Amino acid sequence: STFHLELPPYRPPRFWSTIYTSIIDRTLIVLWRALVFAAPAGAV
């Protein structure tokens, strides 16, 4: 399929907002999923 990929303007990243969102939205969510499966694995 074809797709439109508009190259956005370069923007200075917002450092502290990036730290907050990457830790809350990505790191902790993925870590929690891993822990849910790692705990029973340890028992096995």
All heavy atoms as atom14 arrays in JSON, in Angstrom:
{
  "sequence": "STFHLELPPYRPPRFWSTIYTSIIDRTLIVLWRALVFAAPAGAV",
  "atom14_mask": [
    [1, 1, 1, 1, 1, 1, 0, 0, 0, 0, 0, 0, 0, 0],
    [1, 1, 1, 1, 1, 1, 1, 0, 0, 0, 0, 0, 0, 0],
    [1, 1, 1, 1, 1, 1, 1, 1, 1, 1, 1, 0, 0, 0],
    [1, 1, 1, 1, 1, 1, 1, 1, 1, 1, 0, 0, 0, 0],
    [1, 1, 1, 1, 1, 1, 1, 1, 0, 0, 0, 0, 0, 0],
    [1, 1, 1, 1, 1, 1, 1, 1, 1, 0, 0, 0, 0, 0],
    [1, 1, 1, 1, 1, 1, 1, 1, 0, 0, 0, 0, 0, 0],
    [1, 1, 1, 1, 1, 1, 1, 0, 0, 0, 0, 0, 0, 0],
    [1, 1, 1, 1, 1, 1, 1, 0, 0, 0, 0, 0, 0, 0],
    [1, 1, 1, 1, 1, 1, 1, 1, 1, 1, 1, 1, 0, 0],
    [1, 1, 1, 1, 1, 1, 1, 1, 1, 1, 1, 0, 0, 0],
    [1, 1, 1, 1, 1, 1, 1, 0, 0, 0, 0, 0, 0, 0],
    [1, 1, 1, 1, 1, 1, 1, 0, 0, 0, 0, 0, 0, 0],
    [1, 1, 1, 1, 1, 1, 1, 1, 1, 1, 1, 0, 0, 0],
    [1, 1, 1, 1, 1, 1, 1, 1, 1, 1, 1, 0, 0, 0],
    [1, 1, 1, 1, 1, 1, 1, 1, 1, 1, 1, 1, 1, 1],
    [1, 1, 1, 1, 1, 1, 0, 0, 0, 0, 0, 0, 0, 0],
    [1, 1, 1, 1, 1, 1, 1, 0, 0, 0, 0, 0, 0, 0],
    [1, 1, 1, 1, 1, 1, 1, 1, 0, 0, 0, 0, 0, 0],
    [1, 1, 1, 1, 1, 1, 1, 1, 1, 1, 1, 1, 0, 0],
    [1, 1, 1, 1, 1, 1, 1, 0, 0, 0, 0, 0, 0, 0],
    [1, 1, 1, 1, 1, 1, 0, 0, 0, 0, 0, 0, 0, 0],
    [1, 1, 1, 1, 1, 1, 1, 1, 0, 0, 0, 0, 0, 0],
    [1, 1, 1, 1, 1, 1, 1, 1, 0, 0, 0, 0, 0, 0],
    [1, 1, 1, 1, 1, 1, 1, 1, 0, 0, 0, 0, 0, 0],
    [1, 1, 1, 1, 1, 1, 1, 1, 1, 1, 1, 0, 0, 0],
    [1, 1, 1, 1, 1, 1, 1, 0, 0, 0, 0, 0, 0, 0],
    [1, 1, 1, 1, 1, 1, 1, 1, 0, 0, 0, 0, 0, 0],
    [1, 1, 1, 1, 1, 1, 1, 1, 0, 0, 0, 0, 0, 0],
    [1, 1, 1, 1, 1, 1, 1, 0, 0, 0, 0, 0, 0, 0],
    [1, 1, 1, 1, 1, 1, 1, 1, 0, 0, 0, 0, 0, 0],
    [1, 1, 1, 1, 1, 1, 1, 1, 1, 1, 1, 1, 1, 1],
    [1, 1, 1, 1, 1, 1, 1, 1, 1, 1, 1, 0, 0, 0],
    [1, 1, 1, 1, 1, 0, 0, 0, 0, 0, 0, 0, 0, 0],
    [1, 1, 1, 1, 1, 1, 1, 1, 0, 0, 0, 0, 0, 0],
    [1, 1, 1, 1, 1, 1, 1, 0, 0, 0, 0, 0, 0, 0],
    [1, 1, 1, 1, 1, 1, 1, 1, 1, 1, 1, 0, 0, 0],
    [1, 1, 1, 1, 1, 0, 0, 0, 0, 0, 0, 0, 0, 0],
    [1, 1, 1, 1, 1, 0, 0, 0, 0, 0, 0, 0, 0, 0],
    [1, 1, 1, 1, 1, 1, 1, 0, 0, 0, 0, 0, 0, 0],
    [1, 1, 1, 1, 1, 0, 0, 0, 0, 0, 0, 0, 0, 0],
    [1, 1, 1, 1, 0, 0, 0, 0, 0, 0, 0, 0, 0, 0],
    [1, 1, 1, 1, 1, 0, 0, 0, 0, 0, 0, 0, 0, 0],
    [1, 1, 1, 1, 1, 1, 1, 0, 0, 0, 0, 0, 0, 0]
  ],
  "atom14_positions": [
    [[0.83, -1.2, 0.0], [0.0, 0.0, 0.0], [0.87, 1.25, 0.0], [2.0, 1.24, 0.48], [-0.92, 0.02, 1.23], [-0.17, 0.11, 2.41], [0.0, 0.0, 0.0], [0.0, 0.0, 0.0], [0.0, 0.0, 0.0], [0.0, 0.0, 0.0], [0.0, 0.0, 0.0], [0.0, 0.0, 0.0], [0.0, 0.0, 0.0], [0.0, 0.0, 0.0]],
    [[0.34, 2.3, -0.57], [1.02, 3.59, -0.5], [0.58, 4.3, 0.78], [-0.47, 4.01, 1.33], [0.67, 4.46, -1.71], [-0.75, 4.65, -1.74], [1.12, 3.79, -2.99], [0.0, 0.0, 0.0], [0.0, 0.0, 0.0], [0.0, 0.0, 0.0], [0.0, 0.0, 0.0], [0.0, 0.0, 0.0], [0.0, 0.0, 0.0], [0.0, 0.0, 0.0]],
    [[1.4, 5.23, 1.24], [1.02, 5.97, 2.43], [1.62, 7.37, 2.36], [2.64, 7.58, 1.72], [1.47, 5.25, 3.71], [2.94, 5.33, 3.99], [3.44, 6.2, 4.95], [3.83, 4.52, 3.31], [4.79, 6.26, 5.22], [5.18, 4.58, 3.58], [5.66, 5.45, 4.53], [0.0, 0.0, 0.0], [0.0, 0.0, 0.0], [0.0, 0.0, 0.0]],
    [[0.92, 8.29, 3.01], [1.4, 9.66, 3.09], [2.29, 9.78, 4.32], [1.85, 9.48, 5.43], [0.23, 10.65, 3.21], [-0.72, 10.59, 2.06], [-0.46, 11.17, 0.85], [-1.94, 10.0, 1.94], [-1.49, 10.96, 0.02], [-2.38, 10.26, 0.67], [0.0, 0.0, 0.0], [0.0, 0.0, 0.0], [0.0, 0.0, 0.0], [0.0, 0.0, 0.0]],
    [[3.51, 10.2, 4.13], [4.41, 10.43, 5.27], [4.92, 11.85, 5.17], [5.86, 12.15, 4.45], [5.58, 9.44, 5.26], [6.55, 9.58, 6.44], [5.81, 9.33, 7.75], [7.71, 8.63, 6.29], [0.0, 0.0, 0.0], [0.0, 0.0, 0.0], [0.0, 0.0, 0.0], [0.0, 0.0, 0.0], [0.0, 0.0, 0.0], [0.0, 0.0, 0.0]],
    [[4.24, 12.74, 5.88], [4.65, 14.14, 5.87], [5.79, 14.33, 6.85], [5.69, 13.96, 8.02], [3.46, 15.01, 6.25], [3.77, 16.49, 6.26], [2.54, 17.3, 6.59], [1.43, 16.81, 6.38], [2.69, 18.43, 7.07], [0.0, 0.0, 0.0], [0.0, 0.0, 0.0], [0.0, 0.0, 0.0], [0.0, 0.0, 0.0], [0.0, 0.0, 0.0]],
    [[6.89, 14.86, 6.35], [8.03, 15.1, 7.22], [7.75, 16.33, 8.07], [7.64, 17.44, 7.55], [9.29, 15.3, 6.39], [9.73, 14.09, 5.56], [11.01, 14.42, 4.8], [9.92, 12.86, 6.42], [0.0, 0.0, 0.0], [0.0, 0.0, 0.0], [0.0, 0.0, 0.0], [0.0, 0.0, 0.0], [0.0, 0.0, 0.0], [0.0, 0.0, 0.0]],
    [[7.61, 16.16, 9.37], [7.27, 17.29, 10.22], [8.45, 18.23, 10.41], [9.6, 17.85, 10.15], [6.91, 16.62, 11.56], [7.75, 15.39, 11.57], [7.81, 14.92, 10.15], [0.0, 0.0, 0.0], [0.0, 0.0, 0.0], [0.0, 0.0, 0.0], [0.0, 0.0, 0.0], [0.0, 0.0, 0.0], [0.0, 0.0, 0.0], [0.0, 0.0, 0.0]],
    [[8.21, 19.44, 10.84], [9.33, 20.35, 11.12], [10.12, 19.84, 12.32], [9.59, 19.16, 13.19], [8.64, 21.68, 11.43], [7.27, 21.3, 11.89], [6.9, 20.07, 11.11], [0.0, 0.0, 0.0], [0.0, 0.0, 0.0], [0.0, 0.0, 0.0], [0.0, 0.0, 0.0], [0.0, 0.0, 0.0], [0.0, 0.0, 0.0], [0.0, 0.0, 0.0]],
    [[11.39, 20.15, 12.33], [12.21, 19.81, 13.49], [11.83, 20.73, 14.65], [11.67, 21.93, 14.47], [13.69, 19.97, 13.15], [14.17, 19.01, 12.1], [14.3, 19.41, 10.78], [14.51, 17.7, 12.43], [14.75, 18.53, 9.8], [14.95, 16.81, 11.47], [15.07, 17.23, 10.15], [15.51, 16.36, 9.2], [0.0, 0.0, 0.0], [0.0, 0.0, 0.0]],
    [[11.68, 20.12, 15.82], [11.3, 20.9, 16.99], [12.2, 20.53, 18.15], [12.54, 19.36, 18.33], [9.85, 20.6, 17.37], [8.85, 21.08, 16.33], [7.46, 20.59, 16.65], [6.52, 20.99, 15.6], [5.44, 20.31, 15.27], [5.15, 19.19, 15.9], [4.64, 20.73, 14.32], [0.0, 0.0, 0.0], [0.0, 0.0, 0.0], [0.0, 0.0, 0.0]],
    [[12.59, 21.49, 18.96], [13.41, 21.17, 20.13], [12.6, 20.31, 21.1], [11.49, 20.68, 21.49], [13.73, 22.55, 20.73], [12.68, 23.47, 20.19], [12.31, 22.94, 18.84], [0.0, 0.0, 0.0], [0.0, 0.0, 0.0], [0.0, 0.0, 0.0], [0.0, 0.0, 0.0], [0.0, 0.0, 0.0], [0.0, 0.0, 0.0], [0.0, 0.0, 0.0]],
    [[13.11, 19.14, 21.47], [12.37, 18.27, 22.39], [12.21, 18.92, 23.76], [13.05, 19.71, 24.19], [13.25, 17.01, 22.49], [14.17, 17.08, 21.3], [14.38, 18.54, 21.04], [0.0, 0.0, 0.0], [0.0, 0.0, 0.0], [0.0, 0.0, 0.0], [0.0, 0.0, 0.0], [0.0, 0.0, 0.0], [0.0, 0.0, 0.0], [0.0, 0.0, 0.0]],
    [[11.14, 18.58, 24.42], [10.91, 19.05, 25.79], [11.45, 17.98, 26.73], [10.83, 16.93, 26.92], [9.42, 19.3, 26.01], [8.87, 20.46, 25.19], [7.36, 20.52, 25.25], [6.77, 19.33, 24.66], [5.47, 19.02, 24.75], [4.67, 19.81, 25.42], [5.01, 17.92, 24.19], [0.0, 0.0, 0.0], [0.0, 0.0, 0.0], [0.0, 0.0, 0.0]],
    [[12.6, 18.23, 27.31], [13.36, 17.2, 28.01], [12.57, 16.56, 29.15], [12.4, 15.34, 29.19], [14.67, 17.79, 28.53], [15.55, 16.78, 29.21], [16.29, 15.88, 28.48], [15.6, 16.73, 30.6], [17.09, 14.94, 29.12], [16.39, 15.79, 31.25], [17.14, 14.9, 30.5], [0.0, 0.0, 0.0], [0.0, 0.0, 0.0], [0.0, 0.0, 0.0]],
    [[12.1, 17.38, 30.09], [11.46, 16.8, 31.28], [10.12, 16.16, 30.94], [9.76, 15.13, 31.53], [11.28, 17.88, 32.35], [12.59, 18.34, 32.9], [13.15, 19.58, 32.78], [13.53, 17.55, 33.64], [14.38, 19.62, 33.39], [14.65, 18.38, 33.94], [13.55, 16.23, 34.07], [15.74, 17.93, 34.64], [14.65, 15.77, 34.77], [15.72, 16.61, 35.05]],
    [[9.39, 16.73, 29.99], [8.14, 16.09, 29.56], [8.43, 14.74, 28.92], [7.7, 13.77, 29.12], [7.42, 17.0, 28.56], [6.26, 16.38, 28.05], [0.0, 0.0, 0.0], [0.0, 0.0, 0.0], [0.0, 0.0, 0.0], [0.0, 0.0, 0.0], [0.0, 0.0, 0.0], [0.0, 0.0, 0.0], [0.0, 0.0, 0.0], [0.0, 0.0, 0.0]],
    [[9.52, 14.68, 28.15], [9.91, 13.42, 27.52], [10.26, 12.37, 28.56], [9.86, 11.21, 28.45], [11.1, 13.65, 26.57], [10.69, 14.5, 25.51], [11.61, 12.33, 26.0], [0.0, 0.0, 0.0], [0.0, 0.0, 0.0], [0.0, 0.0, 0.0], [0.0, 0.0, 0.0], [0.0, 0.0, 0.0], [0.0, 0.0, 0.0], [0.0, 0.0, 0.0]],
    [[11.03, 12.76, 29.57], [11.39, 11.83, 30.64], [10.13, 11.28, 31.32], [10.0, 10.07, 31.54], [12.3, 12.52, 31.68], [13.62, 12.96, 31.02], [12.55, 11.6, 32.86], [14.46, 11.82, 30.51], [0.0, 0.0, 0.0], [0.0, 0.0, 0.0], [0.0, 0.0, 0.0], [0.0, 0.0, 0.0], [0.0, 0.0, 0.0], [0.0, 0.0, 0.0]],
    [[9.21, 12.17, 31.62], [7.98, 11.77, 32.32], [7.18, 10.79, 31.48], [6.8, 9.71, 31.96], [7.15, 13.01, 32.65], [5.79, 12.71, 33.24], [5.65, 12.49, 34.61], [4.66, 12.63, 32.43], [4.41, 12.2, 35.15], [3.42, 12.35, 32.97], [3.29, 12.14, 34.32], [2.06, 11.84, 34.86], [0.0, 0.0, 0.0], [0.0, 0.0, 0.0]],
    [[6.89, 11.17, 30.24], [6.0, 10.34, 29.42], [6.65, 9.02, 29.06], [5.97, 7.99, 29.02], [5.6, 11.09, 28.14], [6.78, 11.49, 27.45], [4.76, 12.3, 28.45], [0.0, 0.0, 0.0], [0.0, 0.0, 0.0], [0.0, 0.0, 0.0], [0.0, 0.0, 0.0], [0.0, 0.0, 0.0], [0.0, 0.0, 0.0], [0.0, 0.0, 0.0]],
    [[7.97, 9.01, 28.78], [8.61, 7.75, 28.39], [8.66, 6.77, 29.56], [8.52, 5.56, 29.37], [10.03, 8.01, 27.87], [10.83, 8.62, 28.86], [0.0, 0.0, 0.0], [0.0, 0.0, 0.0], [0.0, 0.0, 0.0], [0.0, 0.0, 0.0], [0.0, 0.0, 0.0], [0.0, 0.0, 0.0], [0.0, 0.0, 0.0], [0.0, 0.0, 0.0]],
    [[8.82, 7.29, 30.78], [8.85, 6.4, 31.95], [7.45, 5.9, 32.28], [7.25, 4.7, 32.53], [9.47, 7.13, 33.16], [10.97, 7.35, 32.92], [9.26, 6.34, 34.44], [11.67, 8.12, 34.01], [0.0, 0.0, 0.0], [0.0, 0.0, 0.0], [0.0, 0.0, 0.0], [0.0, 0.0, 0.0], [0.0, 0.0, 0.0], [0.0, 0.0, 0.0]],
    [[6.46, 6.78, 32.27], [5.11, 6.39, 32.64], [4.43, 5.58, 31.54], [3.87, 4.5, 31.78], [4.25, 7.63, 32.98], [4.87, 8.39, 34.17], [2.82, 7.23, 33.28], [4.96, 7.59, 35.45], [0.0, 0.0, 0.0], [0.0, 0.0, 0.0], [0.0, 0.0, 0.0], [0.0, 0.0, 0.0], [0.0, 0.0, 0.0], [0.0, 0.0, 0.0]],
    [[4.48, 6.1, 30.3], [3.73, 5.49, 29.21], [4.39, 4.25, 28.63], [3.71, 3.42, 28.02], [3.52, 6.5, 28.06], [2.64, 7.67, 28.48], [2.0, 7.56, 29.54], [2.59, 8.67, 27.75], [0.0, 0.0, 0.0], [0.0, 0.0, 0.0], [0.0, 0.0, 0.0], [0.0, 0.0, 0.0], [0.0, 0.0, 0.0], [0.0, 0.0, 0.0]],
    [[5.69, 4.13, 28.78], [6.39, 3.03, 28.12], [7.11, 2.13, 29.11], [6.8, 0.95, 29.22], [7.37, 3.59, 27.08], [6.66, 4.32, 25.94], [7.64, 4.93, 24.95], [6.94, 5.54, 23.83], [7.52, 6.21, 22.85], [8.82, 6.36, 22.85], [6.83, 6.73, 21.86], [0.0, 0.0, 0.0], [0.0, 0.0, 0.0], [0.0, 0.0, 0.0]],
    [[8.08, 2.7, 29.84], [8.94, 1.88, 30.69], [8.14, 1.11, 31.73], [8.26, -0.13, 31.83], [9.99, 2.76, 31.38], [10.72, 3.47, 30.39], [10.92, 1.91, 32.22], [0.0, 0.0, 0.0], [0.0, 0.0, 0.0], [0.0, 0.0, 0.0], [0.0, 0.0, 0.0], [0.0, 0.0, 0.0], [0.0, 0.0, 0.0], [0.0, 0.0, 0.0]],
    [[7.35, 1.79, 32.53], [6.65, 1.12, 33.63], [5.59, 0.15, 33.14], [5.38, -0.91, 33.73], [6.04, 2.17, 34.57], [7.05, 3.04, 35.32], [6.33, 3.97, 36.29], [8.06, 2.18, 36.07], [0.0, 0.0, 0.0], [0.0, 0.0, 0.0], [0.0, 0.0, 0.0], [0.0, 0.0, 0.0], [0.0, 0.0, 0.0], [0.0, 0.0, 0.0]],
    [[4.91, 0.5, 32.04], [3.87, -0.4, 31.51], [4.5, -1.69, 31.01], [4.03, -2.8, 31.31], [3.08, 0.3, 30.39], [2.21, 1.41, 30.98], [2.22, -0.7, 29.63], [1.46, 2.22, 29.94], [0.0, 0.0, 0.0], [0.0, 0.0, 0.0], [0.0, 0.0, 0.0], [0.0, 0.0, 0.0], [0.0, 0.0, 0.0], [0.0, 0.0, 0.0]],
    [[5.59, -1.58, 30.24], [6.25, -2.77, 29.72], [6.88, -3.58, 30.86], [6.81, -4.81, 30.88], [7.32, -2.37, 28.69], [8.13, -3.59, 28.25], [6.66, -1.72, 27.48], [0.0, 0.0, 0.0], [0.0, 0.0, 0.0], [0.0, 0.0, 0.0], [0.0, 0.0, 0.0], [0.0, 0.0, 0.0], [0.0, 0.0, 0.0], [0.0, 0.0, 0.0]],
    [[7.47, -2.89, 31.85], [8.06, -3.59, 32.99], [6.99, -4.35, 33.77], [7.2, -5.49, 34.18], [8.76, -2.58, 33.9], [9.42, -3.18, 35.15], [10.56, -4.11, 34.76], [9.94, -2.07, 36.06], [0.0, 0.0, 0.0], [0.0, 0.0, 0.0], [0.0, 0.0, 0.0], [0.0, 0.0, 0.0], [0.0, 0.0, 0.0], [0.0, 0.0, 0.0]],
    [[5.83, -3.75, 33.94], [4.76, -4.41, 34.68], [4.32, -5.69, 33.97], [4.13, -6.73, 34.59], [3.58, -3.47, 34.86], [2.35, -4.17, 35.39], [1.2, -4.42, 34.73], [2.19, -4.73, 36.7], [0.31, -5.1, 35.53], [0.9, -5.3, 36.75], [3.01, -4.81, 37.83], [0.41, -5.94, 37.88], [2.52, -5.45, 38.96], [1.24, -5.99, 38.97]],
    [[4.21, -5.61, 32.64], [3.83, -6.81, 31.89], [4.87, -7.91, 32.08], [4.53, -9.09, 32.2], [3.7, -6.49, 30.4], [2.44, -5.71, 30.05], [2.32, -5.56, 28.54], [1.09, -4.89, 28.15], [0.73, -4.66, 26.9], [1.52, -5.05, 25.91], [-0.4, -4.05, 26.63], [0.0, 0.0, 0.0], [0.0, 0.0, 0.0], [0.0, 0.0, 0.0]],
    [[6.14, -7.54, 32.07], [7.21, -8.54, 32.25], [7.14, -9.17, 33.64], [7.32, -10.38, 33.79], [8.57, -7.89, 32.02], [0.0, 0.0, 0.0], [0.0, 0.0, 0.0], [0.0, 0.0, 0.0], [0.0, 0.0, 0.0], [0.0, 0.0, 0.0], [0.0, 0.0, 0.0], [0.0, 0.0, 0.0], [0.0, 0.0, 0.0], [0.0, 0.0, 0.0]],
    [[6.88, -8.35, 34.66], [6.81, -8.87, 36.02], [5.64, -9.83, 36.21], [5.75, -10.82, 36.94], [6.7, -7.71, 37.02], [7.92, -6.8, 37.15], [7.65, -5.68, 38.14], [9.14, -7.6, 37.57], [0.0, 0.0, 0.0], [0.0, 0.0, 0.0], [0.0, 0.0, 0.0], [0.0, 0.0, 0.0], [0.0, 0.0, 0.0], [0.0, 0.0, 0.0]],
    [[4.54, -9.55, 35.54], [3.36, -10.42, 35.65], [3.7, -11.84, 35.22], [3.22, -12.82, 35.79], [2.2, -9.86, 34.8], [1.1, -10.88, 34.63], [1.65, -8.59, 35.44], [0.0, 0.0, 0.0], [0.0, 0.0, 0.0], [0.0, 0.0, 0.0], [0.0, 0.0, 0.0], [0.0, 0.0, 0.0], [0.0, 0.0, 0.0], [0.0, 0.0, 0.0]],
    [[4.58, -11.96, 34.21], [4.95, -13.28, 33.72], [6.2, -13.82, 34.41], [6.39, -15.03, 34.51], [5.19, -13.24, 32.21], [3.93, -13.03, 31.42], [3.62, -11.78, 30.92], [3.05, -14.06, 31.2], [2.46, -11.57, 30.19], [1.89, -13.87, 30.47], [1.58, -12.62, 29.96], [0.0, 0.0, 0.0], [0.0, 0.0, 0.0], [0.0, 0.0, 0.0]],
    [[7.08, -12.96, 34.89], [8.33, -13.41, 35.5], [8.1, -14.05, 36.86], [8.8, -14.99, 37.24], [9.3, -12.24, 35.64], [0.0, 0.0, 0.0], [0.0, 0.0, 0.0], [0.0, 0.0, 0.0], [0.0, 0.0, 0.0], [0.0, 0.0, 0.0], [0.0, 0.0, 0.0], [0.0, 0.0, 0.0], [0.0, 0.0, 0.0], [0.0, 0.0, 0.0]],
    [[7.12, -13.55, 37.61], [6.87, -14.09, 38.95], [6.5, -15.58, 38.91], [7.13, -16.39, 39.6], [5.77, -13.27, 39.65], [0.0, 0.0, 0.0], [0.0, 0.0, 0.0], [0.0, 0.0, 0.0], [0.0, 0.0, 0.0], [0.0, 0.0, 0.0], [0.0, 0.0, 0.0], [0.0, 0.0, 0.0], [0.0, 0.0, 0.0], [0.0, 0.0, 0.0]],
    [[5.51, -15.98, 38.11], [5.22, -17.42, 38.05], [6.36, -18.22, 37.44], [6.55, -19.39, 37.77], [3.96, -17.5, 37.17], [3.87, -16.2, 36.45], [4.51, -15.2, 37.34], [0.0, 0.0, 0.0], [0.0, 0.0, 0.0], [0.0, 0.0, 0.0], [0.0, 0.0, 0.0], [0.0, 0.0, 0.0], [0.0, 0.0, 0.0], [0.0, 0.0, 0.0]],
    [[7.17, -17.59, 36.56], [8.31, -18.31, 35.98], [9.31, -18.68, 37.06], [9.89, -19.77, 37.04], [8.99, -17.45, 34.92], [0.0, 0.0, 0.0], [0.0, 0.0, 0.0], [0.0, 0.0, 0.0], [0.0, 0.0, 0.0], [0.0, 0.0, 0.0], [0.0, 0.0, 0.0], [0.0, 0.0, 0.0], [0.0, 0.0, 0.0], [0.0, 0.0, 0.0]],
    [[9.52, -17.78, 38.01], [10.42, -18.08, 39.11], [9.95, -19.28, 39.92], [10.76, -20.12, 40.34], [0.0, 0.0, 0.0], [0.0, 0.0, 0.0], [0.0, 0.0, 0.0], [0.0, 0.0, 0.0], [0.0, 0.0, 0.0], [0.0, 0.0, 0.0], [0.0, 0.0, 0.0], [0.0, 0.0, 0.0], [0.0, 0.0, 0.0], [0.0, 0.0, 0.0]],
    [[8.63, -19.36, 40.12], [8.08, -20.5, 40.85], [8.29, -21.8, 40.07], [8.66, -22.83, 40.64], [6.58, -20.27, 41.1], [0.0, 0.0, 0.0], [0.0, 0.0, 0.0], [0.0, 0.0, 0.0], [0.0, 0.0, 0.0], [0.0, 0.0, 0.0], [0.0, 0.0, 0.0], [0.0, 0.0, 0.0], [0.0, 0.0, 0.0], [0.0, 0.0, 0.0]],
    [[8.09, -21.74, 38.77], [8.27, -22.94, 37.94], [9.72, -23.39, 37.95], [10.02, -24.6, 38.05], [7.8, -22.66, 36.49], [8.17, -23.82, 35.57], [6.3, -22.43, 36.45], [0.0, 0.0, 0.0], [0.0, 0.0, 0.0], [0.0, 0.0, 0.0], [0.0, 0.0, 0.0], [0.0, 0.0, 0.0], [0.0, 0.0, 0.0], [0.0, 0.0, 0.0]]
  ]
}
